[in-house]
Amino acid sequence: MKKWVMAGEELTNLLPYLSVYLGHSDFRGTEYYLKLTADLYPEIISTLEKSHGYIIPESGVDTP
């Protein structure tokens, strides 16, 4: 999965294949094993800021 993320693959499309590969009948069996790892967090933030950063723009006001 990390390789998929780093390659910019759409996980929504690929996770069903992973579930079948692992022998699970649905995604609930697979999601038990999924964890957000610290090494992927910066990549996720960067990707989300590029694609959705306009939703909540920075205010330019420093908060204490």
Protein backbone atom coordinates (compact mmCIF):
# COMPACT_ATOMS: atom_id res chain seq x y z
CA MET A 1 0.00 0.00 0.00
CA LYS A 2 2.83 2.39 0.74
CA LYS A 3 4.09 1.92 -2.82
CA TRP A 4 0.60 2.67 -4.13
CA VAL A 5 0.42 5.88 -2.09
CA MET A 6 3.89 7.01 -3.14
CA ALA A 7 3.04 6.29 -6.79
CA GLY A 8 -0.10 8.44 -6.52
CA GLU A 9 -2.44 5.51 -7.10
CA GLU A 10 -6.11 5.83 -6.18
CA LEU A 11 -6.50 3.62 -3.10
CA THR A 12 -10.28 3.62 -3.37
CA ASN A 13 -9.90 1.60 -6.57
CA LEU A 14 -7.14 -0.69 -5.36
CA LEU A 15 -8.28 -1.65 -1.85
CA PRO A 16 -10.93 -4.10 -3.10
CA TYR A 17 -8.14 -6.00 -4.88
CA LEU A 18 -6.18 -6.11 -1.64
CA SER A 19 -9.23 -7.47 0.19
CA VAL A 20 -9.65 -10.27 -2.35
CA TYR A 21 -5.93 -11.03 -2.28
CA LEU A 22 -6.09 -11.39 1.51
CA GLY A 23 -9.13 -13.65 1.25
CA HIS A 24 -11.58 -11.26 2.87
CA SER A 25 -15.20 -11.31 1.76
CA ASP A 26 -15.56 -7.53 2.21
CA PHE A 27 -13.51 -4.49 3.12
CA ARG A 28 -14.34 -4.62 6.83
CA GLY A 29 -11.97 -7.54 7.23
CA THR A 30 -9.18 -5.61 5.54
CA GLU A 31 -9.67 -2.26 7.24
CA TYR A 32 -8.83 -3.85 10.60
CA TYR A 33 -5.21 -4.07 9.43
CA LEU A 34 -4.88 -0.57 7.97
CA LYS A 35 -2.97 1.98 9.98
CA LEU A 36 -1.74 5.48 9.21
CA THR A 37 2.00 5.42 9.59
CA ALA A 38 4.06 8.45 10.57
CA ASP A 39 6.29 8.19 7.51
CA LEU A 40 3.30 8.64 5.16
CA TYR A 41 1.69 11.49 7.07
CA PRO A 42 3.70 14.31 5.40
CA GLU A 43 2.89 12.91 1.95
CA ILE A 44 -0.82 12.73 2.78
CA ILE A 45 -0.86 16.32 4.08
CA SER A 46 0.96 17.58 0.99
CA THR A 47 -1.42 15.78 -1.36
CA LEU A 48 -4.50 17.03 0.47
CA GLU A 49 -3.25 20.61 0.57
CA LYS A 50 -2.71 20.54 -3.20
CA SER A 51 -6.12 19.09 -3.98
CA HIS A 52 -8.30 20.59 -1.23
CA GLY A 53 -6.32 23.47 0.28
CA TYR A 54 -8.79 26.01 -1.05
CA ILE A 55 -11.61 24.72 1.18
CA ILE A 56 -10.23 26.26 4.37
CA PRO A 57 -7.74 28.93 3.29
CA GLU A 58 -5.10 30.27 5.63
CA SER A 59 -6.28 33.41 7.39
CA GLY A 60 -2.94 35.14 7.57
CA VAL A 61 -3.61 35.92 11.24
CA ASP A 62 -1.21 34.50 13.80
CA THR A 63 -2.86 32.83 16.76
CA PRO A 64 -1.25 32.85 20.21
